[in-house]
C-alpha cells in the first residue's frame, strides 16, 4: 500500500491496522485480493478528508464507519473505524452500531466472527496483534468463535461452511455450542444471503469433504438430508471407502480438483459441484439389503425430489436447478453397454435439462473416482460414451434433426401435421431407424395414419 497514505493518517493522530481476511490470507501465503484497514484515534470526517487527497472516496457505510477509497493510480482500499455492534432484533440485520475510535483493540475485534479473522497488523510498525489466538487456530485448522457475540448473527454459522472448505478447518466445541444457541433464527435469513455463502463455498472451496463434516456437526437440523448420509452403508466391493457421506466428500474433492485442473469456473462450476453434492441423495430412501448385498436400485431418480428441496433451501438460482437435476438423475447412464443409439437418446434427455454429455461424463468420472483405494480417473465406459457421442456429434448438444419442418412441408403436408410428423421422425432418428433424410422421408407413409 502507498506509504504516503499511511503517513498522512498517522500525522492526524490515527493508527492504521490491516485487519480481517487480508491478514489471514497473508499468513496462509496467499495474496489478498482486498485490503481492509481499520483506523483508530481519528473521526470519520477527518479520515475522509485525508483520504480525499489520494483519490475518490465513497462513503458507502456511514452507519458502520466505512469509507472506500479508489486512488489516483487505480488501487482500491476499504477503511473503517472501530465499532461496537449491539443486538436489537432478529437474524443478521438486527443490530445497532456505535462507532467508537477510542475502543481498545480487544474490544473492537471481539465483534469479528472467527478468531482467524480477528488478526491485525500495525501498518506502521508491522506488529501482529492477536488478542484471540487466531494465528494458533489457523495453524491447527480450528474454526473457533472470537467471542459470545458470534451467536447473535445466524449467518455466521453458514459463513463457517466456506471457511472449512477453503482452509481445511473443523469446528471447535465452542462453535458447535454457539451454533445451537442461534440456529432458531436461521430461517429468518434472506435466501440471497444464504446463497451468497454457498456460492463462496462452491467457488473458493478446496476441501469440500471437510465442509461436509462441518455441516454434519453444525447444521444437521437445517440440512438433514446431508447429515443423514452418515451411516448409510454401501456395498464394500463397489464402495470400499465407506458410507454415503464419506463417498460424497471424496466425490466433491475430486470434482473440485477437476474444476481447478481444467479451469472450470462460473456457472459451469456451480452446476458440477452441486451435482456432485446431490448425486446420491436418493440412497437415503433406496438403500436395502438384497441377497446379502447392499443395493440402491433407482437411487438416481429418487435423488430428484430431495435435491430439488435442498437446492431451494440454499437459495440456488433457478437457472442452475434443471442442469443439476439432469446430471443427478442420469449419473448411472454410463453403466452397461454403450451404443450410438444410447448416446443419442441420452444427449436428447440431457438437453431437456439444459445440460450435456460432456458434463455428465465429468460427474460420472468424479463419482467413480470417489472410492479410494479404487483407481481414480475416467472410466472406460465414460471414454466409450464420449467416443460415441463425438461420432454422433452430440457431446455438447442433442443430435440435430435430419429433417426440418420445411422439408416436410415440401412433401405436401401442412398445419399441425408438420409438427407431429417432425416429432415422430426425430424419435425414429434417435432410435436409429434411418440415417439419412431421404430414408426418413420414406418412413412417413408407414405412420401417417396413426397421427
Protein backbone atom coordinates (compact mmCIF):
# COMPACT_ATOMS: atom_id res chain seq x y z
CA UNK A 1 0.00 0.00 0.00
CA UNK A 2 1.08 3.59 -0.66
CA UNK A 3 3.15 4.64 2.37
CA UNK A 4 2.09 8.26 1.86
CA UNK A 5 -1.47 7.31 2.82
CA UNK A 6 -0.25 5.65 6.00
CA UNK A 7 1.92 8.64 6.85
CA UNK A 8 -0.97 11.05 6.30
CA UNK A 9 -3.20 9.04 8.65
CA UNK A 10 -0.51 8.99 11.32
CA UNK A 11 0.00 12.76 11.01
CA UNK A 12 -3.61 13.42 12.05
CA UNK A 13 -3.26 11.11 15.07
CA UNK A 14 -4.58 7.89 13.60
CA UNK A 15 -3.17 4.37 13.86
CA UNK A 16 -3.96 2.20 10.85
CA UNK A 17 -4.20 -1.61 11.09
CA UNK A 18 -4.62 -4.12 8.31
CA UNK A 19 -7.45 -6.36 9.51
CA UNK A 20 -9.53 -9.45 8.85
CA UNK A 21 -9.26 -11.72 5.85
CA UNK A 22 -6.29 -9.98 4.25
CA UNK A 23 -4.19 -10.68 7.37
CA UNK A 24 -5.41 -14.27 7.49
CA UNK A 25 -4.58 -14.81 3.81
CA UNK A 26 -1.14 -13.28 4.29
CA UNK A 27 -0.32 -15.87 6.95
CA UNK A 28 -1.56 -18.60 4.64
CA UNK A 29 0.88 -17.44 1.98
CA UNK A 30 -1.85 -16.12 -0.30
CA UNK A 31 -2.02 -12.71 -1.91
CA UNK A 32 -5.10 -10.93 -0.51
CA UNK A 33 -7.44 -9.54 -3.15
CA UNK A 34 -8.95 -6.92 -0.87
CA UNK A 35 -7.14 -4.78 1.69
CA UNK A 36 -9.21 -3.74 4.72
CA UNK A 37 -7.78 -1.11 7.04
CA UNK A 38 -9.17 -0.15 10.44
CA UNK A 39 -8.08 3.22 11.79
CA UNK A 40 -8.02 4.04 15.49
CA UNK A 41 -7.87 7.52 17.01
CA UNK A 42 -9.46 9.71 14.31
CA UNK A 43 -13.00 10.73 13.44
CA UNK A 44 -14.88 9.63 10.35
CA UNK A 45 -14.83 13.17 8.93
CA UNK A 46 -11.08 13.63 9.48
CA UNK A 47 -10.29 10.29 7.90
CA UNK A 48 -12.41 11.07 4.85
CA UNK A 49 -10.77 14.50 4.48
CA UNK A 50 -7.29 12.96 4.45
CA UNK A 51 -8.18 10.12 2.08
CA UNK A 52 -9.65 12.54 -0.46
CA UNK A 53 -6.13 13.80 -1.13
CA UNK A 54 -5.23 10.40 -2.63
CA UNK A 55 -8.27 9.70 -4.77
CA UNK A 56 -12.03 9.40 -4.78
CA UNK A 57 -13.77 8.38 -1.56
CA UNK A 58 -17.15 6.72 -1.36
CA UNK A 59 -18.95 6.93 1.97
CA UNK A 60 -20.70 3.62 1.39
CA UNK A 61 -21.10 2.76 5.06
CA UNK A 62 -21.51 5.89 7.15
CA UNK A 63 -23.54 3.91 9.67
CA UNK A 64 -20.73 1.39 10.02
CA UNK A 65 -17.87 3.86 9.73
CA UNK A 66 -16.71 2.56 6.34
CA UNK A 67 -15.02 4.56 3.57
CA UNK A 68 -14.00 3.10 0.22
CA UNK A 69 -11.01 4.74 -1.45
CA UNK A 70 -10.07 4.45 -5.10
CA UNK A 71 -6.67 6.04 -5.53
CA UNK A 72 -5.49 8.15 -8.45
CA UNK A 73 -3.43 5.12 -9.57
CA UNK A 74 -6.46 2.79 -9.60
CA UNK A 75 -5.98 0.91 -6.33
CA UNK A 76 -8.97 0.25 -4.04
CA UNK A 77 -9.00 0.05 -0.25
CA UNK A 78 -11.70 -0.19 2.40
CA UNK A 79 -11.16 1.91 5.52
CA UNK A 80 -13.23 1.53 8.67
CA UNK A 81 -13.36 2.79 12.23
CA UNK A 82 -13.61 0.60 15.33
CA UNK A 83 -17.18 -0.02 16.42
CA UNK A 84 -19.46 -1.92 18.75
CA UNK A 85 -22.42 -3.93 17.43
CA UNK A 86 -25.39 -4.46 19.75
CA UNK A 87 -28.17 -6.96 19.11
CA UNK A 88 -31.57 -5.27 18.90
CA UNK A 89 -33.55 -7.53 16.58
CA UNK A 90 -33.51 -10.87 14.81
CA UNK A 91 -31.24 -12.54 12.27
CA UNK A 92 -28.11 -10.91 10.85
CA UNK A 93 -29.51 -7.38 10.34
CA UNK A 94 -30.93 -6.90 13.83
CA UNK A 95 -28.05 -4.78 15.14
CA UNK A 96 -27.36 -1.24 16.21
CA UNK A 97 -23.87 0.13 15.62
CA UNK A 98 -21.80 2.52 17.70
CA UNK A 99 -18.60 3.93 16.19
CA UNK A 100 -16.00 4.48 18.88
CA UNK A 101 -12.50 5.39 17.76
CA UNK A 102 -11.20 5.05 21.33
CA UNK A 103 -12.12 1.38 21.77
CA UNK A 104 -9.33 -0.95 22.75
CA UNK A 105 -8.26 -3.38 20.04
CA UNK A 106 -9.51 -6.32 22.09
CA UNK A 107 -12.95 -4.73 22.45
CA UNK A 108 -13.17 -3.83 18.77
CA UNK A 109 -12.08 -7.22 17.45
CA UNK A 110 -14.50 -9.08 19.73
CA UNK A 111 -17.27 -8.41 17.20
CA UNK A 112 -15.48 -10.37 14.46
CA UNK A 113 -16.85 -13.81 13.66
CA UNK A 114 -13.92 -16.24 13.93
CA UNK A 115 -10.57 -15.95 15.67
CA UNK A 116 -8.82 -16.45 12.32
CA UNK A 117 -10.46 -13.21 11.16
CA UNK A 118 -9.61 -11.22 14.30
CA UNK A 119 -5.92 -10.75 13.46
CA UNK A 120 -4.48 -7.24 12.91
CA UNK A 121 -1.16 -5.92 11.64
CA UNK A 122 0.01 -2.45 12.67
CA UNK A 123 0.76 -0.77 9.34
CA UNK A 124 3.37 1.50 10.91
CA UNK A 125 5.37 -0.99 12.98
CA UNK A 126 4.43 -4.26 11.26
CA UNK A 127 3.47 -5.75 14.64
CA UNK A 128 0.91 -8.57 14.70
CA UNK A 129 -1.96 -8.08 17.14
CA UNK A 130 -3.58 -11.39 18.04
CA UNK A 131 -5.92 -10.98 21.02
CA UNK A 132 -7.81 -14.25 20.50
CA UNK A 133 -5.11 -16.73 19.37
CA UNK A 134 -6.30 -16.63 15.76
CA UNK A 135 -2.87 -17.49 14.38
CA UNK A 136 -2.73 -20.63 16.50
CA UNK A 137 -6.23 -21.69 15.43
CA UNK A 138 -5.29 -21.08 11.80
CA UNK A 139 -2.24 -23.29 12.21
CA UNK A 140 -4.29 -26.01 13.97
CA UNK A 141 -7.15 -25.91 11.49
CA UNK A 142 -9.68 -24.94 14.16
CA UNK A 143 -12.71 -22.73 13.49
CA UNK A 144 -13.47 -21.01 16.77
CA UNK A 145 -15.76 -18.06 17.56
CA UNK A 146 -13.98 -14.89 18.61
CA UNK A 147 -16.45 -14.16 21.41
CA UNK A 148 -20.00 -14.84 22.56
CA UNK A 149 -21.14 -12.15 20.11
CA UNK A 150 -20.86 -14.85 17.44
CA UNK A 151 -24.22 -16.32 18.45
CA UNK A 152 -26.01 -13.02 17.74
CA UNK A 153 -25.81 -13.48 13.96
CA UNK A 154 -27.02 -16.80 12.47
CA UNK A 155 -25.40 -16.05 9.10
CA UNK A 156 -22.02 -16.53 10.77
CA UNK A 157 -22.85 -20.21 11.17
CA UNK A 158 -23.08 -20.60 7.42
CA UNK A 159 -20.03 -18.44 6.85
CA UNK A 160 -18.04 -21.10 8.65
CA UNK A 161 -19.01 -23.58 5.92
CA UNK A 162 -16.99 -21.78 3.25
CA UNK A 163 -14.05 -21.31 5.64
CA UNK A 164 -13.99 -25.03 6.45
CA UNK A 165 -13.81 -25.83 2.73
CA UNK A 166 -11.31 -23.09 1.89
CA UNK A 167 -8.85 -23.65 4.73
CA UNK A 168 -9.43 -27.31 5.70
CA UNK A 169 -10.75 -26.45 9.15
CA UNK A 170 -13.02 -28.22 11.63
CA UNK A 171 -15.42 -26.65 14.16
CA UNK A 172 -14.46 -26.19 17.80
CA UNK A 173 -16.67 -27.27 20.66
CA UNK A 174 -17.46 -23.61 21.35
CA UNK A 175 -18.61 -23.15 17.79
CA UNK A 176 -20.93 -26.16 17.95
CA UNK A 177 -22.43 -24.88 21.22
CA UNK A 178 -22.91 -21.31 19.96
CA UNK A 179 -24.46 -22.51 16.72
CA UNK A 180 -27.10 -24.34 18.73
CA UNK A 181 -27.93 -21.06 20.53
CA UNK A 182 -28.84 -19.14 17.37
CA UNK A 183 -29.95 -21.84 14.96
CA UNK A 184 -33.59 -20.93 15.68
CA UNK A 185 -33.07 -17.64 13.80
CA UNK A 186 -31.59 -19.28 10.73
CA UNK A 187 -34.93 -19.49 8.90
CA UNK A 188 -35.21 -15.68 9.03
CA UNK A 189 -32.12 -15.18 6.88
CA UNK A 190 -32.84 -13.91 3.33
CA UNK A 191 -32.30 -16.59 0.70
CA UNK A 192 -29.91 -14.23 -1.11
CA UNK A 193 -27.60 -14.20 1.93
CA UNK A 194 -27.76 -17.97 2.26
CA UNK A 195 -26.94 -18.45 -1.41
CA UNK A 196 -24.11 -15.92 -1.12
CA UNK A 197 -22.31 -18.15 1.39
CA UNK A 198 -22.98 -21.35 -0.59
CA UNK A 199 -21.69 -19.61 -3.71
CA UNK A 200 -18.44 -18.77 -1.94
CA UNK A 201 -18.25 -22.38 -0.79
CA UNK A 202 -18.55 -23.50 -4.42
CA UNK A 203 -16.09 -21.06 -5.97
CA UNK A 204 -13.49 -20.81 -3.19
CA UNK A 205 -13.65 -24.30 -1.72
CA UNK A 206 -10.82 -26.79 -1.94
CA UNK A 207 -11.52 -29.20 0.95
CA UNK A 208 -15.17 -30.00 0.40
CA UNK A 209 -15.09 -33.22 2.42
CA UNK A 210 -14.06 -31.20 5.46
CA UNK A 211 -17.06 -28.95 4.97
CA UNK A 212 -19.40 -31.97 5.00
CA UNK A 213 -18.05 -32.67 8.47
CA UNK A 214 -18.89 -29.07 9.32
CA UNK A 215 -22.46 -29.46 8.05
CA UNK A 216 -22.85 -32.70 9.99
CA UNK A 217 -21.87 -31.12 13.31
CA UNK A 218 -23.13 -27.55 12.89
CA UNK A 219 -26.21 -27.63 10.65
CA UNK A 220 -27.83 -31.10 10.84
CA UNK A 221 -31.26 -29.64 11.60
CA UNK A 222 -31.07 -27.22 8.66
CA UNK A 223 -29.77 -29.69 6.06
CA UNK A 224 -30.92 -33.08 7.41
CA UNK A 225 -30.52 -34.89 4.08
CA UNK A 226 -26.78 -34.29 4.18
CA UNK A 227 -26.38 -35.27 7.84
CA UNK A 228 -28.45 -38.42 7.24
CA UNK A 229 -25.98 -39.67 4.60
CA UNK A 230 -23.71 -40.54 7.52
CA UNK A 231 -24.14 -44.23 8.32
CA UNK A 232 -25.88 -45.15 5.05
CA UNK A 233 -23.81 -48.20 4.20
CA UNK A 234 -22.71 -49.20 0.71
CA UNK A 235 -21.53 -52.44 -0.83
CA UNK A 236 -17.84 -52.65 0.16
CA UNK A 237 -16.90 -54.23 -3.17
CA UNK A 238 -18.01 -51.11 -5.05
CA UNK A 239 -17.53 -48.63 -2.23
CA UNK A 240 -14.58 -49.63 -0.04
CA UNK A 241 -14.30 -46.01 1.15
CA UNK A 242 -17.29 -46.34 3.50
CA UNK A 243 -20.74 -44.79 3.86
CA UNK A 244 -22.52 -42.36 1.53
CA UNK A 245 -21.39 -39.21 3.38
CA UNK A 246 -17.75 -40.31 3.12
CA UNK A 247 -18.19 -41.13 -0.55
CA UNK A 248 -19.85 -37.78 -1.27
CA UNK A 249 -16.91 -36.00 0.34
CA UNK A 250 -14.42 -37.82 -1.89
CA UNK A 251 -16.54 -37.11 -4.98
CA UNK A 252 -16.69 -33.41 -4.13
CA UNK A 253 -12.94 -33.23 -3.53
CA UNK A 254 -12.25 -34.88 -6.87
CA UNK A 255 -14.73 -32.60 -8.63
CA UNK A 256 -13.07 -29.55 -7.09
CA UNK A 257 -9.65 -30.77 -8.25
CA UNK A 258 -11.01 -31.46 -11.73
CA UNK A 259 -12.52 -27.99 -12.00
CA UNK A 260 -9.26 -26.36 -10.94
CA UNK A 261 -7.17 -28.52 -13.27
CA UNK A 262 -9.41 -27.74 -16.25
CA UNK A 263 -10.09 -24.07 -15.35
CA UNK A 264 -13.83 -24.66 -14.97
CA UNK A 265 -15.32 -21.60 -13.30
CA UNK A 266 -18.52 -19.60 -13.25
CA UNK A 267 -21.92 -21.19 -13.80
CA UNK A 268 -20.49 -24.49 -15.00
CA UNK A 269 -18.57 -24.97 -11.76
CA UNK A 270 -21.73 -24.25 -9.75
CA UNK A 271 -23.62 -26.95 -11.64
CA UNK A 272 -20.88 -29.58 -11.39
CA UNK A 273 -20.12 -29.05 -7.70
CA UNK A 274 -23.78 -29.10 -6.64
CA UNK A 275 -24.48 -32.13 -8.83
CA UNK A 276 -21.62 -33.90 -7.06
CA UNK A 277 -23.11 -32.96 -3.68
CA UNK A 278 -26.65 -34.11 -4.55
CA UNK A 279 -25.96 -37.15 -6.75
CA UNK A 280 -26.58 -39.81 -4.09
CA UNK A 281 -29.36 -38.23 -2.02
CA UNK A 282 -31.67 -41.00 -3.24
CA UNK A 283 -29.70 -43.60 -1.31
CA UNK A 284 -31.44 -42.26 1.79
CA UNK A 285 -34.66 -43.89 0.63
CA UNK A 286 -33.50 -46.57 -1.79
CA UNK A 287 -30.80 -48.48 0.08
CA UNK A 288 -31.63 -52.02 1.12
CA UNK A 289 -30.06 -55.43 1.58
CA UNK A 290 -30.92 -57.85 -1.21
CA UNK A 291 -29.49 -61.36 -1.39
CA UNK A 292 -26.98 -60.41 1.27
CA UNK A 293 -25.70 -57.41 -0.70
CA UNK A 294 -26.27 -53.70 -0.09
CA UNK A 295 -28.03 -52.23 -3.12
CA UNK A 296 -29.53 -48.85 -4.04
CA UNK A 297 -31.57 -49.56 -7.15
CA UNK A 298 -33.17 -46.47 -8.63
CA UNK A 299 -31.43 -44.10 -6.26
CA UNK A 300 -30.52 -41.73 -9.10
CA UNK A 301 -34.17 -41.00 -9.88
CA UNK A 302 -35.08 -40.92 -6.20
CA UNK A 303 -32.47 -38.19 -5.71
CA UNK A 304 -34.50 -35.69 -7.73
CA UNK A 305 -37.13 -34.56 -5.16
CA UNK A 306 -34.56 -34.47 -2.35
CA UNK A 307 -32.13 -32.47 -4.50
CA UNK A 308 -34.82 -30.00 -5.57
CA UNK A 309 -35.79 -29.40 -1.95
CA UNK A 310 -32.18 -28.89 -0.92
CA UNK A 311 -31.41 -26.53 -3.81
CA UNK A 312 -34.44 -24.44 -2.87
CA UNK A 313 -33.23 -24.36 0.75
CA UNK A 314 -29.88 -22.90 -0.19
CA UNK A 315 -31.42 -20.28 -2.48
CA UNK A 316 -29.93 -21.77 -5.63
CA UNK A 317 -30.87 -19.62 -8.67
CA UNK A 318 -33.39 -21.27 -10.99
CA UNK A 319 -31.04 -21.32 -13.98
CA UNK A 320 -28.85 -23.90 -12.22
CA UNK A 321 -31.51 -26.27 -10.92
CA UNK A 322 -32.55 -28.11 -14.10
CA UNK A 323 -28.97 -28.80 -15.28
CA UNK A 324 -28.08 -30.10 -11.80
CA UNK A 325 -31.13 -32.36 -11.73
CA UNK A 326 -30.42 -33.59 -15.26
CA UNK A 327 -26.92 -34.68 -14.26
CA UNK A 328 -28.04 -36.23 -10.97
CA UNK A 329 -30.80 -38.43 -12.41
CA UNK A 330 -28.58 -39.62 -15.27
CA UNK A 331 -25.34 -40.24 -13.38
CA UNK A 332 -25.65 -44.03 -13.79
CA UNK A 333 -26.05 -43.75 -17.57
CA UNK A 334 -22.54 -44.95 -18.43
CA UNK A 335 -23.03 -48.31 -16.73
CA UNK A 336 -23.77 -51.12 -19.13
CA UNK A 337 -23.31 -51.38 -22.87
CA UNK A 338 -22.90 -48.15 -24.83
CA UNK A 339 -24.16 -47.68 -28.39
CA UNK A 340 -24.80 -44.93 -30.90
CA UNK A 341 -28.49 -45.21 -30.09
CA UNK A 342 -27.97 -44.96 -26.32
CA UNK A 343 -25.80 -41.82 -26.55
CA UNK A 344 -28.20 -40.14 -28.97
CA UNK A 345 -31.10 -40.70 -26.60
CA UNK A 346 -29.01 -39.70 -23.60
CA UNK A 347 -27.98 -36.44 -25.27
CA UNK A 348 -31.64 -35.72 -26.01
CA UNK A 349 -32.70 -36.42 -22.40
CA UNK A 350 -29.95 -34.18 -21.05
CA UNK A 351 -30.85 -31.38 -23.45
CA UNK A 352 -34.28 -31.23 -21.83
CA UNK A 353 -32.45 -30.19 -18.64
CA UNK A 354 -30.12 -27.74 -20.42
CA UNK A 355 -27.06 -29.90 -19.87
CA UNK A 356 -24.97 -32.29 -21.94
CA UNK A 357 -22.95 -35.50 -22.14
CA UNK A 358 -19.67 -33.61 -21.66
CA UNK A 359 -20.68 -32.50 -18.16
CA UNK A 360 -22.31 -35.82 -17.31
CA UNK A 361 -19.02 -37.53 -18.15
CA UNK A 362 -17.26 -35.33 -15.59
CA UNK A 363 -19.79 -36.19 -12.87
CA UNK A 364 -19.52 -39.91 -13.59
CA UNK A 365 -15.73 -39.69 -13.50
CA UNK A 366 -15.87 -37.91 -10.13
CA UNK A 367 -18.34 -40.50 -8.83
CA UNK A 368 -16.08 -43.38 -9.87
CA UNK A 369 -13.01 -41.60 -8.52
CA UNK A 370 -14.53 -41.02 -5.09
CA UNK A 371 -13.99 -44.59 -3.96
CA UNK A 372 -10.48 -44.98 -2.57
CA UNK A 373 -8.46 -47.13 -2.73
CA UNK A 374 -10.04 -47.94 -6.11
CA UNK A 375 -8.33 -46.22 -9.08
CA UNK A 376 -9.22 -42.66 -10.00
CA UNK A 377 -9.68 -41.21 -13.45
CA UNK A 378 -12.01 -41.57 -16.40
CA UNK A 379 -13.71 -44.99 -16.51
CA UNK A 380 -13.52 -46.98 -19.75
CA UNK A 381 -17.32 -46.76 -20.09
CA UNK A 382 -17.16 -42.96 -20.00
CA UNK A 383 -14.40 -42.91 -22.60
CA UNK A 384 -16.58 -45.12 -24.81
CA UNK A 385 -19.60 -42.88 -24.22
CA UNK A 386 -17.61 -39.78 -25.20
CA UNK A 387 -16.17 -41.50 -28.27
CA UNK A 388 -19.63 -42.48 -29.47
CA UNK A 389 -21.13 -39.06 -28.71
CA UNK A 390 -18.33 -37.41 -30.68
CA UNK A 391 -19.09 -39.71 -33.60
CA UNK A 392 -22.78 -38.77 -33.37
CA UNK A 393 -21.92 -35.07 -32.85
CA UNK A 394 -23.94 -34.90 -29.62
CA UNK A 395 -21.36 -34.40 -26.86
CA UNK A 396 -22.40 -30.80 -26.20
CA UNK A 397 -25.93 -30.79 -27.66
CA UNK A 398 -28.73 -33.10 -28.66
CA UNK A 399 -28.46 -34.59 -32.19
CA UNK A 400 -29.57 -32.16 -34.85
CA UNK A 401 -32.79 -33.26 -36.65
CA UNK A 402 -32.08 -34.61 -40.11
CA UNK A 403 -35.45 -33.44 -41.39
CA UNK A 404 -36.78 -29.92 -40.91
CA UNK A 405 -40.36 -28.72 -40.93
CA UNK A 406 -39.72 -27.01 -44.25
CA UNK A 407 -38.71 -30.29 -45.90
CA UNK A 408 -41.87 -31.96 -44.56
CA UNK A 409 -43.93 -29.08 -45.96
CA UNK A 410 -42.36 -29.69 -49.36
CA UNK A 411 -43.79 -33.21 -49.20
CA UNK A 412 -47.30 -31.74 -49.24
CA UNK A 413 -48.13 -31.67 -45.53
CA UNK A 414 -49.34 -28.58 -43.69
CA UNK A 415 -50.63 -27.19 -40.42
CA UNK A 416 -50.23 -29.06 -37.09
CA UNK A 417 -49.44 -32.26 -39.02
CA UNK A 418 -45.97 -30.91 -39.81
CA UNK A 419 -45.02 -30.73 -36.15
CA UNK A 420 -46.43 -34.20 -35.43
CA UNK A 421 -44.55 -35.75 -38.34
CA UNK A 422 -41.32 -34.00 -37.41
CA UNK A 423 -41.60 -35.22 -33.79
CA UNK A 424 -42.18 -38.83 -34.87
CA UNK A 425 -39.33 -38.70 -37.38
CA UNK A 426 -36.98 -37.31 -34.74
CA UNK A 427 -37.87 -40.14 -32.36
CA UNK A 428 -37.17 -42.62 -35.14
CA UNK A 429 -33.88 -40.89 -35.91
CA UNK A 430 -32.79 -41.21 -32.27
CA UNK A 431 -33.72 -44.91 -32.34
CA UNK A 432 -31.59 -45.42 -35.45
CA UNK A 433 -34.47 -46.21 -37.81
CA UNK A 434 -32.78 -44.15 -40.52
CA UNK A 435 -29.51 -42.31 -41.04
CA UNK A 436 -30.32 -40.00 -43.98
CA UNK A 437 -33.10 -37.50 -44.61
CA UNK A 438 -34.25 -39.40 -47.70
CA UNK A 439 -34.58 -42.61 -45.69
CA UNK A 440 -36.58 -40.74 -43.07
CA UNK A 441 -38.98 -39.19 -45.57
CA UNK A 442 -39.71 -42.64 -46.95
CA UNK A 443 -40.93 -43.68 -43.47
CA UNK A 444 -43.74 -41.11 -43.28
CA UNK A 445 -46.30 -43.27 -45.05
CA UNK A 446 -45.77 -46.06 -42.53
CA UNK A 447 -47.07 -43.99 -39.61
CA UNK A 448 -49.03 -41.08 -41.07
CA UNK A 449 -52.41 -42.78 -40.48
CA UNK A 450 -51.57 -43.15 -36.78
CA UNK A 451 -51.11 -39.41 -36.23
